[in-house]
Amino acid sequence: MPRFTSKLGSTFYLKKGRLNNKVPLICCHGGPGGNHLSLKPLLELSKSRQVTIFDQIGSGNSSSTTKSKWNITAFCKNLNELISHLGYDQVILYGSSWGGTLILEYYKRYPNKVTGLIFHSSLICEKRWKQDAKKLIKALPQKQQNIINTCEKITATDAKVYKQAMLEYYKKHVCRVKGIFDNKKPKSKIKFNEDLYQHMWGPSEFCATGTLKGYNGIATLSKISVPTLFLCGEYDESTPHSNKFFARKVKGSQIEVVSNASHSSLRERKVYTLQILNKFLSQLT
């Protein structure tokens, strides 16, 4: 398994395609604490340029890390070290969910290294994410609404009833593939770092209690000067309404909404999602 080692630890990555006159694409998974498995379909974009996916430090096949490294600065450093290790001078960055936060923060720090950005169902502003979640929760049955609101109010988010209500939200807005949340046994031993997720985010997709609570990257959007795509699903927890709002902040950006999909359009409508990405990438050098 290809990997490189730095002071942060050992980072696992996969790359496909040959280096050519096209700027390579690096893809960042969600979480924080996720892994590269959800990004594997993106390797199919390698016909025109080299594509790299990786496990962010602290999760997946990469080294475990301490809480001192569970922060945006460390993850940006990890991404920059990967880019240097691969010998890239310029990159196009793709970020899914939390990965979108990461590439936005990376662009803020290293704008001269980035020639394009793809925000896929991304966390750009925690306040808007929370507002959207409240609206989506109100569409759930009243019983589930009451459970979620009560458990969060009394900090009982580890309760079985909360997790059951949470799954009903996930089935509508995180991944709509039938049965995806029914199998309690993981299909892979590749690590999802739940502790990292809860430290930086919280107990559920719609409840931020960690260090990302209050995160707001909206001001950075207006500073973006490279081709940018915002992409989300019709039923996404990263809602079309908010993605359109974010897209208006980036001059000349593009917005695409995948119908009949939620937060996981690469799983739900892979072919169509890849077509959208290919179309955008074909416009870039």
Foldseek 3Di string as FASTA:
>chain_A
DDWDQDPLFIKDKDKDADADPAAEEEEEEDFVQDFQPLVVLVNVLRPVHMYMYINFAQFFPIHRGDPVCLDLVNRLVSVVVVCVVVVAQAYEYEYAACGLVNVLVNCVVCVRRYQEYEYELYDAFLVVLLVLVVVLLVPDPPVLSVVCVVCVVVVVCVDPSNVVSLVVSCCQAVWVDPPPPVDPDDPDPGGRDPVSNCQAARSHSNHGDHVCVGPHNLVSQLVRDHEYEYEFEPRHSSHPVVSVVSQVSHPPYYYDYHYPTHSSCCVVPVVVVVVVVSVSSVVHD
